[in-house]
């Protein structure tokens, strides 16, 4: 069994971006990070993004609207950032408070600055195999993990568990694309799937993204499978100072005995998400500079 080290691969990508940004003469790439409210996980994620941007040489602007901001006022914040020529990328941290319609906010961001890749135009570009778009960061990170671990999806049966806008749908589209590293045969499973284990046992590559701790067990996979565990779940653990530990959607101990390659949690997909956000921001700067 080979461990796919997301920390190491993310570090390599960050080093490559740092070299690219260092070579830019003139204005450096800039990302606006909008966080509404003080959700502890969101605070932590935005801080990590800010820190990584600084390491690469990307300017980040942190925008903190009040938690009770009306939806229309948040749209105005987005409109101002869309019109600002010194901002290359815009990310609005999810989850947002209840009065905000997340989907409408994602669509409000200019497609040329939608570095989170969740707007209609960029999702459509993924479906059209159009590389000028921005791929949602976690799916992009999964594809980079596979490519840099020498896993070619051509002719492989890729089974995705989960159909979310954030991971399941876009990663299925990416694995299907007619291009190097992709060309997989893709099955998407979800809560309405009958006899799920019978399908997951056919997977050459299994991508678990459902947000249920230790859901995928040893009896659900075949020997030699490549497992990408997207889940980050907090499970109570009295032995930990924090009172919890992080675990994935895959029962790591059991599945790792059969897997050919597997990502750990933490240290697998997570670090890649931030690295790909930075990659998208540098790409946005490059494309806007060329326009």
C-alpha atoms as a PDB file:
ATOM      1  CA  UNK A   1       0.000   0.000   0.000  1.00  0.00           C
ATOM      2  CA  UNK A   2       1.279   3.445  -0.954  1.00  0.00           C
ATOM      3  CA  UNK A   3       0.190   6.527   0.971  1.00  0.00           C
ATOM      4  CA  UNK A   4      -0.689   9.496  -1.275  1.00  0.00           C
ATOM      5  CA  UNK A   5       0.884  12.388   0.620  1.00  0.00           C
ATOM      6  CA  UNK A   6      -1.253  15.482  -0.003  1.00  0.00           C
ATOM      7  CA  UNK A   7       0.985  17.682   2.128  1.00  0.00           C
ATOM      8  CA  UNK A   8       4.043  16.842   0.043  1.00  0.00           C
ATOM      9  CA  UNK A   9       2.276  17.228  -3.334  1.00  0.00           C
ATOM     10  CA  UNK A  10       0.673  20.514  -2.236  1.00  0.00           C
ATOM     11  CA  UNK A  11       4.106  21.792  -1.126  1.00  0.00           C
ATOM     12  CA  UNK A  12       5.514  21.007  -4.585  1.00  0.00           C
ATOM     13  CA  UNK A  13       2.670  22.912  -6.294  1.00  0.00           C
ATOM     14  CA  UNK A  14       3.116  25.868  -3.916  1.00  0.00           C
ATOM     15  CA  UNK A  15       6.863  25.953  -4.701  1.00  0.00           C
ATOM     16  CA  UNK A  16       6.071  25.971  -8.451  1.00  0.00           C
ATOM     17  CA  UNK A  17       3.584  28.837  -7.987  1.00  0.00           C
ATOM     18  CA  UNK A  18       6.064  30.775  -5.867  1.00  0.00           C
ATOM     19  CA  UNK A  19       8.619  30.601  -8.696  1.00  0.00           C
ATOM     20  CA  UNK A  20       6.006  31.682 -11.258  1.00  0.00           C
ATOM     21  CA  UNK A  21       4.835  34.640  -9.136  1.00  0.00           C
ATOM     22  CA  UNK A  22       8.426  35.711  -8.433  1.00  0.00           C
ATOM     23  CA  UNK A  23       8.975  36.011 -12.203  1.00  0.00           C
ATOM     24  CA  UNK A  24       5.980  38.354 -12.640  1.00  0.00           C
ATOM     25  CA  UNK A  25       7.042  41.946 -13.232  1.00  0.00           C
ATOM     26  CA  UNK A  26       4.548  44.557 -12.153  1.00  0.00           C
ATOM     27  CA  UNK A  27       1.397  43.908 -10.148  1.00  0.00           C
ATOM     28  CA  UNK A  28       1.301  40.562  -8.382  1.00  0.00           C
ATOM     29  CA  UNK A  29      -1.809  38.323  -8.319  1.00  0.00           C
ATOM     30  CA  UNK A  30      -4.465  39.309  -5.778  1.00  0.00           C
ATOM     31  CA  UNK A  31      -7.285  37.295  -4.208  1.00  0.00           C
ATOM     32  CA  UNK A  32     -10.207  38.725  -2.236  1.00  0.00           C
ATOM     33  CA  UNK A  33     -11.312  36.386   0.567  1.00  0.00           C
ATOM     34  CA  UNK A  34     -14.817  37.218   1.796  1.00  0.00           C
ATOM     35  CA  UNK A  35     -15.911  35.641   5.087  1.00  0.00           C
ATOM     36  CA  UNK A  36     -19.364  36.354   6.510  1.00  0.00           C
ATOM     37  CA  UNK A  37     -19.630  35.471  10.216  1.00  0.00           C
ATOM     38  CA  UNK A  38     -17.333  33.636  12.608  1.00  0.00           C
ATOM     39  CA  UNK A  39     -17.885  29.945  11.896  1.00  0.00           C
ATOM     40  CA  UNK A  40     -14.760  28.413  13.547  1.00  0.00           C
ATOM     41  CA  UNK A  41     -13.925  26.181  10.578  1.00  0.00           C
ATOM     42  CA  UNK A  42     -14.338  29.111   8.154  1.00  0.00           C
ATOM     43  CA  UNK A  43     -12.052  31.318  10.275  1.00  0.00           C
ATOM     44  CA  UNK A  44      -9.419  28.585  10.210  1.00  0.00           C
ATOM     45  CA  UNK A  45      -9.773  27.967   6.444  1.00  0.00           C
ATOM     46  CA  UNK A  46      -9.520  31.659   5.521  1.00  0.00           C
ATOM     47  CA  UNK A  47      -6.467  32.072   7.761  1.00  0.00           C
ATOM     48  CA  UNK A  48      -4.815  29.113   6.022  1.00  0.00           C
ATOM     49  CA  UNK A  49      -5.597  30.597   2.586  1.00  0.00           C
ATOM     50  CA  UNK A  50      -4.203  33.980   3.641  1.00  0.00           C
ATOM     51  CA  UNK A  51      -1.010  32.377   4.961  1.00  0.00           C
ATOM     52  CA  UNK A  52      -0.484  30.271   1.812  1.00  0.00           C
ATOM     53  CA  UNK A  53      -1.080  33.294  -0.441  1.00  0.00           C
ATOM     54  CA  UNK A  54       1.578  35.251   1.478  1.00  0.00           C
ATOM     55  CA  UNK A  55       4.041  32.364   1.138  1.00  0.00           C
ATOM     56  CA  UNK A  56       3.594  32.346  -2.658  1.00  0.00           C
ATOM     57  CA  UNK A  57       3.672  36.130  -3.051  1.00  0.00           C
ATOM     58  CA  UNK A  58      -0.042  36.533  -3.805  1.00  0.00           C
ATOM     59  CA  UNK A  59      -1.722  39.549  -2.227  1.00  0.00           C
ATOM     60  CA  UNK A  60      -4.843  38.665  -0.232  1.00  0.00           C
ATOM     61  CA  UNK A  61      -7.578  41.021   0.875  1.00  0.00           C
ATOM     62  CA  UNK A  62      -9.721  39.814   3.735  1.00  0.00           C
ATOM     63  CA  UNK A  63     -13.247  41.226   3.668  1.00  0.00           C
ATOM     64  CA  UNK A  64     -15.408  40.608   6.749  1.00  0.00           C
ATOM     65  CA  UNK A  65     -19.014  41.772   6.258  1.00  0.00           C
ATOM     66  CA  UNK A  66     -21.262  41.600   9.375  1.00  0.00           C
ATOM     67  CA  UNK A  67     -22.942  38.225   9.959  1.00  0.00           C
ATOM     68  CA  UNK A  68     -26.386  39.809   9.494  1.00  0.00           C
ATOM     69  CA  UNK A  69     -25.580  41.463   6.146  1.00  0.00           C
ATOM     70  CA  UNK A  70     -28.614  41.317   3.834  1.00  0.00           C
ATOM     71  CA  UNK A  71     -28.202  39.242   0.666  1.00  0.00           C
ATOM     72  CA  UNK A  72     -28.514  42.334  -1.573  1.00  0.00           C
ATOM     73  CA  UNK A  73     -25.694  44.086   0.314  1.00  0.00           C
ATOM     74  CA  UNK A  74     -23.387  41.089  -0.066  1.00  0.00           C
ATOM     75  CA  UNK A  75     -24.122  41.191  -3.811  1.00  0.00           C
ATOM     76  CA  UNK A  76     -22.955  44.826  -3.803  1.00  0.00           C
ATOM     77  CA  UNK A  77     -19.675  43.740  -2.145  1.00  0.00           C
ATOM     78  CA  UNK A  78     -19.214  41.171  -4.939  1.00  0.00           C
ATOM     79  CA  UNK A  79     -20.060  43.753  -7.626  1.00  0.00           C
ATOM     80  CA  UNK A  80     -17.401  46.130  -6.283  1.00  0.00           C
ATOM     81  CA  UNK A  81     -14.783  43.352  -6.328  1.00  0.00           C
ATOM     82  CA  UNK A  82     -15.840  42.349  -9.858  1.00  0.00           C
ATOM     83  CA  UNK A  83     -15.225  45.951 -10.977  1.00  0.00           C
ATOM     84  CA  UNK A  84     -11.868  46.268  -9.180  1.00  0.00           C
ATOM     85  CA  UNK A  85      -9.052  45.832 -11.713  1.00  0.00           C
ATOM     86  CA  UNK A  86      -6.523  45.067  -8.979  1.00  0.00           C
ATOM     87  CA  UNK A  87      -8.424  41.931  -7.847  1.00  0.00           C
ATOM     88  CA  UNK A  88      -7.843  38.748  -9.873  1.00  0.00           C
ATOM     89  CA  UNK A  89      -9.784  36.199  -7.848  1.00  0.00           C
ATOM     90  CA  UNK A  90     -12.786  36.263  -5.495  1.00  0.00           C
ATOM     91  CA  UNK A  91     -13.688  33.586  -2.959  1.00  0.00           C
ATOM     92  CA  UNK A  92     -16.715  33.769  -0.672  1.00  0.00           C
ATOM     93  CA  UNK A  93     -16.187  31.278   2.137  1.00  0.00           C
ATOM     94  CA  UNK A  94     -18.928  28.694   2.618  1.00  0.00           C
ATOM     95  CA  UNK A  95     -21.066  28.120   4.697  1.00  0.00           C
ATOM     96  CA  UNK A  96     -22.800  31.500   4.633  1.00  0.00           C
ATOM     97  CA  UNK A  97     -25.513  32.644   7.065  1.00  0.00           C
ATOM     98  CA  UNK A  98     -29.129  31.601   6.423  1.00  0.00           C
ATOM     99  CA  UNK A  99     -30.242  34.909   4.870  1.00  0.00           C
ATOM    100  CA  UNK A 100     -27.691  34.449   2.052  1.00  0.00           C
ATOM    101  CA  UNK A 101     -28.493  32.332  -1.004  1.00  0.00           C
ATOM    102  CA  UNK A 102     -25.084  30.736  -1.638  1.00  0.00           C
ATOM    103  CA  UNK A 103     -25.829  29.664  -5.197  1.00  0.00           C
ATOM    104  CA  UNK A 104     -26.823  33.207  -6.202  1.00  0.00           C
ATOM    105  CA  UNK A 105     -23.613  34.549  -4.628  1.00  0.00           C
ATOM    106  CA  UNK A 106     -21.476  32.020  -6.520  1.00  0.00           C
ATOM    107  CA  UNK A 107     -23.218  33.061  -9.759  1.00  0.00           C
ATOM    108  CA  UNK A 108     -22.709  36.759  -8.981  1.00  0.00           C
ATOM    109  CA  UNK A 109     -18.919  36.447  -9.074  1.00  0.00           C
ATOM    110  CA  UNK A 110     -17.474  37.336 -12.479  1.00  0.00           C
ATOM    111  CA  UNK A 111     -16.533  34.067 -14.289  1.00  0.00           C
ATOM    112  CA  UNK A 112     -13.071  35.554 -14.937  1.00  0.00           C
ATOM    113  CA  UNK A 113     -12.549  35.932 -11.156  1.00  0.00           C
ATOM    114  CA  UNK A 114     -14.423  32.830  -9.974  1.00  0.00           C
ATOM    115  CA  UNK A 115     -11.319  31.057  -8.661  1.00  0.00           C
ATOM    116  CA  UNK A 116     -13.473  28.734  -6.538  1.00  0.00           C
ATOM    117  CA  UNK A 117     -14.986  27.422  -9.797  1.00  0.00           C
ATOM    118  CA  UNK A 118     -18.542  27.192  -8.455  1.00  0.00           C
ATOM    119  CA  UNK A 119     -20.272  29.579 -10.862  1.00  0.00           C
ATOM    120  CA  UNK A 120     -22.429  28.370 -13.741  1.00  0.00           C
ATOM    121  CA  UNK A 121     -19.980  29.386 -16.472  1.00  0.00           C
ATOM    122  CA  UNK A 122     -16.974  27.601 -14.977  1.00  0.00           C
ATOM    123  CA  UNK A 123     -18.902  24.421 -14.216  1.00  0.00           C
ATOM    124  CA  UNK A 124     -20.128  24.508 -17.817  1.00  0.00           C
ATOM    125  CA  UNK A 125     -16.566  24.863 -19.085  1.00  0.00           C
ATOM    126  CA  UNK A 126     -15.618  21.684 -17.192  1.00  0.00           C
ATOM    127  CA  UNK A 127     -18.448  19.870 -19.004  1.00  0.00           C
ATOM    128  CA  UNK A 128     -17.129  21.249 -22.322  1.00  0.00           C
ATOM    129  CA  UNK A 129     -13.469  20.253 -21.611  1.00  0.00           C
ATOM    130  CA  UNK A 130     -12.599  23.966 -21.855  1.00  0.00           C
ATOM    131  CA  UNK A 131      -9.324  24.661 -20.031  1.00  0.00           C
ATOM    132  CA  UNK A 132      -9.841  28.437 -19.904  1.00  0.00           C
ATOM    133  CA  UNK A 133     -12.275  27.976 -17.002  1.00  0.00           C
ATOM    134  CA  UNK A 134     -11.549  27.505 -13.302  1.00  0.00           C
ATOM    135  CA  UNK A 135     -12.055  24.067 -11.812  1.00  0.00           C
ATOM    136  CA  UNK A 136     -13.521  23.883  -8.317  1.00  0.00           C
ATOM    137  CA  UNK A 137     -10.554  23.556  -5.942  1.00  0.00           C
ATOM    138  CA  UNK A 138     -11.196  20.211  -4.237  1.00  0.00           C
ATOM    139  CA  UNK A 139     -11.929  18.311  -7.507  1.00  0.00           C
ATOM    140  CA  UNK A 140      -8.912  20.006  -9.126  1.00  0.00           C
ATOM    141  CA  UNK A 141      -6.842  18.885  -6.138  1.00  0.00           C
ATOM    142  CA  UNK A 142      -8.075  15.294  -6.494  1.00  0.00           C
ATOM    143  CA  UNK A 143      -7.071  15.214 -10.169  1.00  0.00           C
ATOM    144  CA  UNK A 144      -3.640  16.672  -9.324  1.00  0.00           C
ATOM    145  CA  UNK A 145      -3.145  14.075  -6.553  1.00  0.00           C
ATOM    146  CA  UNK A 146      -3.936  11.270  -9.014  1.00  0.00           C
ATOM    147  CA  UNK A 147      -1.747  12.688 -11.791  1.00  0.00           C
ATOM    148  CA  UNK A 148       1.225  13.261  -9.495  1.00  0.00           C
ATOM    149  CA  UNK A 149       0.824   9.773  -8.011  1.00  0.00           C
ATOM    150  CA  UNK A 150       1.013   8.257 -11.523  1.00  0.00           C
ATOM    151  CA  UNK A 151      -2.633   7.169 -11.564  1.00  0.00           C
ATOM    152  CA  UNK A 152      -3.952   7.426 -15.133  1.00  0.00           C
ATOM    153  CA  UNK A 153      -7.754   7.095 -15.229  1.00  0.00           C
ATOM    154  CA  UNK A 154      -7.881   5.935 -18.858  1.00  0.00           C
ATOM    155  CA  UNK A 155      -9.958   2.763 -19.041  1.00  0.00           C
ATOM    156  CA  UNK A 156     -10.342   2.675 -15.253  1.00  0.00           C
ATOM    157  CA  UNK A 157     -13.691   2.382 -13.479  1.00  0.00           C
ATOM    158  CA  UNK A 158     -13.938   5.487 -11.285  1.00  0.00           C
ATOM    159  CA  UNK A 159     -16.659   5.326  -8.621  1.00  0.00           C
ATOM    160  CA  UNK A 160     -17.616   8.593  -6.916  1.00  0.00           C
ATOM    161  CA  UNK A 161     -19.675   8.441  -3.711  1.00  0.00           C
ATOM    162  CA  UNK A 162     -21.495  11.759  -3.391  1.00  0.00           C
ATOM    163  CA  UNK A 163     -23.073  14.152  -5.916  1.00  0.00           C
ATOM    164  CA  UNK A 164     -22.428  17.554  -4.330  1.00  0.00           C
ATOM    165  CA  UNK A 165     -21.810  20.701  -6.334  1.00  0.00           C
ATOM    166  CA  UNK A 166     -18.551  21.106  -4.414  1.00  0.00           C
ATOM    167  CA  UNK A 167     -16.976  17.702  -5.143  1.00  0.00           C
ATOM    168  CA  UNK A 168     -19.050  14.843  -6.548  1.00  0.00           C
ATOM    169  CA  UNK A 169     -20.442  16.368  -9.734  1.00  0.00           C
ATOM    170  CA  UNK A 170     -17.324  18.273 -10.872  1.00  0.00           C
ATOM    171  CA  UNK A 171     -14.880  15.436 -10.117  1.00  0.00           C
ATOM    172  CA  UNK A 172     -17.079  13.024 -12.109  1.00  0.00           C
ATOM    173  CA  UNK A 173     -16.979  15.451 -15.068  1.00  0.00           C
ATOM    174  CA  UNK A 174     -13.197  15.838 -14.767  1.00  0.00           C
ATOM    175  CA  UNK A 175     -12.607  12.082 -14.677  1.00  0.00           C
ATOM    176  CA  UNK A 176     -14.761  11.769 -17.831  1.00  0.00           C
ATOM    177  CA  UNK A 177     -12.907  14.429 -19.815  1.00  0.00           C
ATOM    178  CA  UNK A 178     -11.293  13.446 -23.090  1.00  0.00           C
ATOM    179  CA  UNK A 179      -7.740  14.393 -22.155  1.00  0.00           C
ATOM    180  CA  UNK A 180      -4.516  13.002 -20.705  1.00  0.00           C
ATOM    181  CA  UNK A 181      -4.929  11.571 -17.204  1.00  0.00           C
ATOM    182  CA  UNK A 182      -8.726  11.374 -17.516  1.00  0.00           C
ATOM    183  CA  UNK A 183     -10.847   9.213 -19.892  1.00  0.00           C
ATOM    184  CA  UNK A 184     -12.255   7.237 -16.963  1.00  0.00           C
ATOM    185  CA  UNK A 185     -15.503   5.273 -16.952  1.00  0.00           C
ATOM    186  CA  UNK A 186     -17.434   6.981 -14.177  1.00  0.00           C
ATOM    187  CA  UNK A 187     -20.224   5.833 -11.855  1.00  0.00           C
ATOM    188  CA  UNK A 188     -21.692   8.342  -9.396  1.00  0.00           C
ATOM    189  CA  UNK A 189     -23.344   6.840  -6.280  1.00  0.00           C
ATOM    190  CA  UNK A 190     -25.488   8.647  -3.730  1.00  0.00           C
ATOM    191  CA  UNK A 191     -28.194   8.156  -1.092  1.00  0.00           C
ATOM    192  CA  UNK A 192     -30.581   6.785  -3.727  1.00  0.00           C
ATOM    193  CA  UNK A 193     -28.151   4.126  -4.998  1.00  0.00           C
ATOM    194  CA  UNK A 194     -29.254   0.501  -4.609  1.00  0.00           C
ATOM    195  CA  UNK A 195     -26.679  -2.050  -3.372  1.00  0.00           C
ATOM    196  CA  UNK A 196     -23.856   0.449  -3.041  1.00  0.00           C
ATOM    197  CA  UNK A 197     -21.183  -2.102  -1.945  1.00  0.00           C
ATOM    198  CA  UNK A 198     -21.699  -4.106  -5.165  1.00  0.00           C
ATOM    199  CA  UNK A 199     -20.787  -0.985  -7.159  1.00  0.00           C
ATOM    200  CA  UNK A 200     -17.908   0.239  -4.979  1.00  0.00           C
ATOM    201  CA  UNK A 201     -16.293  -3.221  -5.200  1.00  0.00           C
ATOM    202  CA  UNK A 202     -15.976  -2.681  -8.972  1.00  0.00           C
ATOM    203  CA  UNK A 203     -13.994   0.529  -8.518  1.00  0.00           C
ATOM    204  CA  UNK A 204     -10.405   0.791  -9.726  1.00  0.00           C
ATOM    205  CA  UNK A 205     -10.435   4.307  -8.271  1.00  0.00           C
ATOM    206  CA  UNK A 206     -12.844   5.164  -5.433  1.00  0.00           C
ATOM    207  CA  UNK A 207     -13.533   8.794  -4.508  1.00  0.00           C
ATOM    208  CA  UNK A 208     -15.478   9.125  -1.242  1.00  0.00           C
ATOM    209  CA  UNK A 209     -17.130  12.507  -0.644  1.00  0.00           C
ATOM    210  CA  UNK A 210     -20.267  12.101   1.453  1.00  0.00           C
ATOM    211  CA  UNK A 211     -19.369  13.511   4.871  1.00  0.00           C
ATOM    212  CA  UNK A 212     -20.075  10.341   6.853  1.00  0.00           C
ATOM    213  CA  UNK A 213     -17.214   9.130   9.066  1.00  0.00           C
ATOM    214  CA  UNK A 214     -15.712   5.708   8.279  1.00  0.00           C
ATOM    215  CA  UNK A 215     -18.581   4.948   5.879  1.00  0.00           C
ATOM    216  CA  UNK A 216     -16.490   3.000   3.356  1.00  0.00           C
ATOM    217  CA  UNK A 217     -15.366  -0.265   4.948  1.00  0.00           C
ATOM    218  CA  UNK A 218     -12.982  -3.011   3.907  1.00  0.00           C
ATOM    219  CA  UNK A 219     -15.772  -5.224   2.503  1.00  0.00           C
ATOM    220  CA  UNK A 220     -16.756  -2.424   0.065  1.00  0.00           C
ATOM    221  CA  UNK A 221     -13.488  -2.354  -1.911  1.00  0.00           C
ATOM    222  CA  UNK A 222     -11.466  -4.712  -4.071  1.00  0.00           C
ATOM    223  CA  UNK A 223      -7.718  -5.380  -3.665  1.00  0.00           C
ATOM    224  CA  UNK A 224      -5.450  -2.820  -5.326  1.00  0.00           C
ATOM    225  CA  UNK A 225      -8.051  -0.027  -5.428  1.00  0.00           C
ATOM    226  CA  UNK A 226      -6.879   3.615  -5.381  1.00  0.00           C
ATOM    227  CA  UNK A 227      -8.837   5.433  -2.654  1.00  0.00           C
ATOM    228  CA  UNK A 228      -9.274   9.202  -2.474  1.00  0.00           C
ATOM    229  CA  UNK A 229     -10.922  10.141   0.836  1.00  0.00           C
ATOM    230  CA  UNK A 230     -12.420  13.643   0.662  1.00  0.00           C
ATOM    231  CA  UNK A 231     -14.224  13.490   4.011  1.00  0.00           C
ATOM    232  CA  UNK A 232     -13.188  15.619   6.979  1.00  0.00           C
ATOM    233  CA  UNK A 233     -15.392  14.614   9.914  1.00  0.00           C
ATOM    234  CA  UNK A 234     -15.047  15.523  13.573  1.00  0.00           C
ATOM    235  CA  UNK A 235     -15.502  12.469  15.770  1.00  0.00           C
ATOM    236  CA  UNK A 236     -15.614  12.718  19.558  1.00  0.00           C
ATOM    237  CA  UNK A 237     -12.412  11.457  21.168  1.00  0.00           C
ATOM    238  CA  UNK A 238     -11.903  11.928  24.907  1.00  0.00           C
ATOM    239  CA  UNK A 239      -8.188  11.103  24.558  1.00  0.00           C
ATOM    240  CA  UNK A 240      -7.619  14.264  22.476  1.00  0.00           C
ATOM    241  CA  UNK A 241      -7.101  17.662  24.091  1.00  0.00           C
ATOM    242  CA  UNK A 242      -9.619  19.199  21.663  1.00  0.00           C
ATOM    243  CA  UNK A 243     -12.165  16.498  22.528  1.00  0.00           C
ATOM    244  CA  UNK A 244     -12.340  15.278  18.942  1.00  0.00           C
ATOM    245  CA  UNK A 245     -10.269  13.811  16.127  1.00  0.00           C
ATOM    246  CA  UNK A 246     -10.541  14.183  12.385  1.00  0.00           C
ATOM    247  CA  UNK A 247     -11.509  11.161  10.354  1.00  0.00           C
ATOM    248  CA  UNK A 248     -12.400  10.623   6.714  1.00  0.00           C
ATOM    249  CA  UNK A 249     -15.337   8.970   4.946  1.00  0.00           C
ATOM    250  CA  UNK A 250     -13.207   5.805   4.679  1.00  0.00           C
ATOM    251  CA  UNK A 251     -12.346   3.395   7.490  1.00  0.00           C
ATOM    252  CA  UNK A 252      -8.633   3.909   6.908  1.00  0.00           C
ATOM    253  CA  UNK A 253      -7.246   1.021   8.966  1.00  0.00           C
ATOM    254  CA  UNK A 254      -9.430  -1.603   7.303  1.00  0.00           C
ATOM    255  CA  UNK A 255      -9.394  -0.277   3.725  1.00  0.00           C
ATOM    256  CA  UNK A 256      -5.652   0.504   3.687  1.00  0.00           C
ATOM    257  CA  UNK A 257      -4.890  -3.227   4.046  1.00  0.00           C
ATOM    258  CA  UNK A 258      -6.459  -3.850   0.617  1.00  0.00           C
ATOM    259  CA  UNK A 259      -5.771  -0.567  -1.193  1.00  0.00           C
ATOM    260  CA  UNK A 260      -2.991  -0.050  -3.723  1.00  0.00           C
ATOM    261  CA  UNK A 261      -2.863   3.666  -2.902  1.00  0.00           C
ATOM    262  CA  UNK A 262      -4.851   5.723  -0.389  1.00  0.00           C
ATOM    263  CA  UNK A 263      -5.018   9.294   0.929  1.00  0.00           C
ATOM    264  CA  UNK A 264      -4.875   9.871   4.690  1.00  0.00           C
ATOM    265  CA  UNK A 265      -7.153  12.232   6.656  1.00  0.00           C
ATOM    266  CA  UNK A 266      -5.843  14.728   7.542  1.00  0.00           C
ATOM    267  CA  UNK A 267      -2.977  15.317   5.096  1.00  0.00           C
ATOM    268  CA  UNK A 268      -4.573  14.037   1.900  1.00  0.00           C
ATOM    269  CA  UNK A 269      -7.051  16.062  -0.133  1.00  0.00           C
ATOM    270  CA  UNK A 270      -7.271  18.985   2.339  1.00  0.00           C
ATOM    271  CA  UNK A 271      -3.903  20.664   1.621  1.00  0.00           C
ATOM    272  CA  UNK A 272      -4.537  20.312  -2.120  1.00  0.00           C
ATOM    273  CA  UNK A 273      -7.710  22.416  -1.997  1.00  0.00           C
ATOM    274  CA  UNK A 274      -5.789  25.505  -0.840  1.00  0.00           C
ATOM    275  CA  UNK A 275      -2.942  24.868  -3.301  1.00  0.00           C
ATOM    276  CA  UNK A 276      -5.407  24.687  -6.233  1.00  0.00           C
ATOM    277  CA  UNK A 277      -7.151  27.897  -5.106  1.00  0.00           C
ATOM    278  CA  UNK A 278      -3.768  29.626  -5.351  1.00  0.00           C
ATOM    279  CA  UNK A 279      -3.096  27.978  -8.713  1.00  0.00           C
ATOM    280  CA  UNK A 280      -6.453  29.285 -10.000  1.00  0.00           C
ATOM    281  CA  UNK A 281      -5.626  32.804  -8.715  1.00  0.00           C
ATOM    282  CA  UNK A 282      -2.285  32.850 -10.548  1.00  0.00           C
ATOM    283  CA  UNK A 283      -4.070  31.550 -13.670  1.00  0.00           C
ATOM    284  CA  UNK A 284      -6.705  34.323 -13.363  1.00  0.00           C
ATOM    285  CA  UNK A 285      -3.926  36.934 -13.179  1.00  0.00           C
ATOM    286  CA  UNK A 286      -2.191  35.358 -16.183  1.00  0.00           C
ATOM    287  CA  UNK A 287      -5.384  35.307 -18.261  1.00  0.00           C
ATOM    288  CA  UNK A 288      -6.356  38.872 -17.324  1.00  0.00           C
ATOM    289  CA  UNK A 289      -2.846  40.114 -18.096  1.00  0.00           C
ATOM    290  CA  UNK A 290      -2.985  38.461 -21.533  1.00  0.00           C
ATOM    291  CA  UNK A 291      -6.439  39.851 -22.348  1.00  0.00           C
END
